[in-house]
Amino acid sequence: MIDPNQAPKSPLKQKEDQGGDPWRYRNSKASMPFEDQEKYRKVVEMAKQAGAKVDKILYPSTFGPNGELLGIAVACDIQAGETIMSVPCSYRVDQTTIFAS
């Protein structure tokens, strides 16, 4: 995963810094306390060990004026059809896997 402090400044980051739509762009300031929490770092670490491709995302990321929504943001500009993140099928959670457990 790209370190948010080392990531090149993309147009997405520029819009965030310029006060773009707070629900559409990552709230970097509100995301900082979550980035320091071990449980979020462990999620990314476990995903990588399982074979997930997560180098184009920033997790955890918050959205909203005060960081009310926690989720995933892209770390760089992406092209139409480009894969942002992938997780091995054996790690999927859906109705089938839930009922089978």
Protein backbone atom coordinates (compact mmCIF):
# COMPACT_ATOMS: atom_id res chain seq x y z
CA MET A 1 0.00 0.00 0.00
CA ILE A 2 1.24 3.48 -0.78
CA ASP A 3 2.23 5.60 2.19
CA PRO A 4 -0.16 8.59 2.08
CA ASN A 5 2.72 10.91 3.00
CA GLN A 6 4.90 9.60 0.15
CA ALA A 7 2.22 9.34 -2.55
CA PRO A 8 2.54 11.75 -5.46
CA LYS A 9 0.05 14.58 -5.27
CA SER A 10 -2.69 13.65 -7.70
CA PRO A 11 -5.60 15.77 -8.92
CA LEU A 12 -7.72 13.91 -6.34
CA LYS A 13 -5.46 15.10 -3.53
CA GLN A 14 -5.40 18.62 -4.93
CA LYS A 15 -9.21 18.76 -4.96
CA GLU A 16 -9.27 17.45 -1.40
CA ASP A 17 -6.84 20.15 -0.30
CA GLN A 18 -8.84 22.82 -2.14
CA GLY A 19 -12.03 21.90 -0.30
CA GLY A 20 -13.70 19.74 -2.95
CA ASP A 21 -16.88 17.79 -2.18
CA PRO A 22 -16.15 16.34 1.30
CA TRP A 23 -18.16 13.19 0.56
CA ARG A 24 -16.31 12.50 -2.68
CA TYR A 25 -12.72 13.18 -1.65
CA ARG A 26 -10.66 11.74 1.20
CA ASN A 27 -10.44 13.80 4.36
CA SER A 28 -6.69 13.42 5.09
CA LYS A 29 -6.78 15.27 8.38
CA ALA A 30 -9.64 13.15 9.78
CA SER A 31 -7.97 9.96 8.45
CA MET A 32 -4.73 10.49 10.43
CA PRO A 33 -5.92 9.09 13.80
CA PHE A 34 -7.14 5.91 12.07
CA GLU A 35 -3.89 5.43 10.15
CA ASP A 36 -2.05 5.08 13.47
CA GLN A 37 -4.32 2.32 14.79
CA GLU A 38 -2.79 -1.14 14.70
CA LYS A 39 -6.05 -2.89 13.78
CA TYR A 40 -6.17 -1.09 10.42
CA ARG A 41 -2.51 -1.80 9.68
CA LYS A 42 -3.16 -5.49 10.47
CA VAL A 43 -6.04 -5.65 7.99
CA VAL A 44 -3.76 -4.43 5.20
CA GLU A 45 -0.93 -6.73 6.30
CA MET A 46 -3.23 -9.79 6.39
CA ALA A 47 -4.68 -8.89 2.99
CA LYS A 48 -1.20 -8.68 1.46
CA GLN A 49 -0.20 -12.02 3.01
CA ALA A 50 -3.33 -13.58 1.50
CA GLY A 51 -2.32 -12.35 -1.95
CA ALA A 52 -4.50 -9.25 -2.19
CA LYS A 53 -3.28 -6.43 -4.41
CA VAL A 54 -3.72 -3.23 -2.42
CA ASP A 55 -0.96 -0.89 -3.62
CA LYS A 56 -3.35 1.60 -5.22
CA ILE A 57 -5.49 2.23 -2.16
CA LEU A 58 -5.32 4.28 1.02
CA TYR A 59 -6.87 2.43 3.94
CA PRO A 60 -8.23 3.54 6.28
CA SER A 61 -9.62 6.70 4.69
CA THR A 62 -12.33 8.96 5.97
CA PHE A 63 -14.82 11.02 4.02
CA GLY A 64 -17.16 13.83 4.98
CA PRO A 65 -16.56 17.23 6.55
CA ASN A 66 -15.57 15.65 9.87
CA GLY A 67 -14.53 12.19 8.70
CA GLU A 68 -17.92 10.60 9.41
CA LEU A 69 -17.53 7.82 6.82
CA LEU A 70 -14.68 5.29 7.05
CA GLY A 71 -13.63 3.37 3.96
CA ILE A 72 -11.07 3.04 1.17
CA ALA A 73 -9.76 5.73 -1.18
CA VAL A 74 -7.60 5.45 -4.28
CA ALA A 75 -4.00 6.53 -3.84
CA CYS A 76 -3.41 7.61 -7.43
CA ASP A 77 -5.23 8.52 -10.59
CA ILE A 78 -6.87 5.52 -12.23
CA GLN A 79 -7.95 4.79 -15.77
CA ALA A 80 -11.31 3.36 -16.84
CA GLY A 81 -11.22 -0.42 -16.41
CA GLU A 82 -8.05 -0.37 -14.29
CA THR A 83 -8.02 -2.72 -11.30
CA ILE A 84 -7.78 -0.78 -8.05
CA MET A 85 -7.74 -3.69 -5.62
CA SER A 86 -8.10 -7.46 -5.89
CA VAL A 87 -8.66 -10.14 -3.26
CA PRO A 88 -8.31 -13.91 -3.79
CA CYS A 89 -11.67 -15.64 -4.21
CA SER A 90 -10.97 -17.87 -1.21
CA TYR A 91 -11.22 -14.76 1.00
CA ARG A 92 -14.54 -13.52 -0.32
CA VAL A 93 -17.46 -12.97 2.04
CA ASP A 94 -20.87 -13.42 0.46
CA GLN A 95 -24.11 -15.30 1.08
CA THR A 96 -22.61 -18.61 -0.04
CA THR A 97 -19.55 -18.41 2.22
CA ILE A 98 -21.58 -17.15 5.16
CA PHE A 99 -24.06 -20.03 5.01
CA ALA A 100 -21.23 -22.53 4.49
CA SER A 101 -19.43 -21.43 7.67
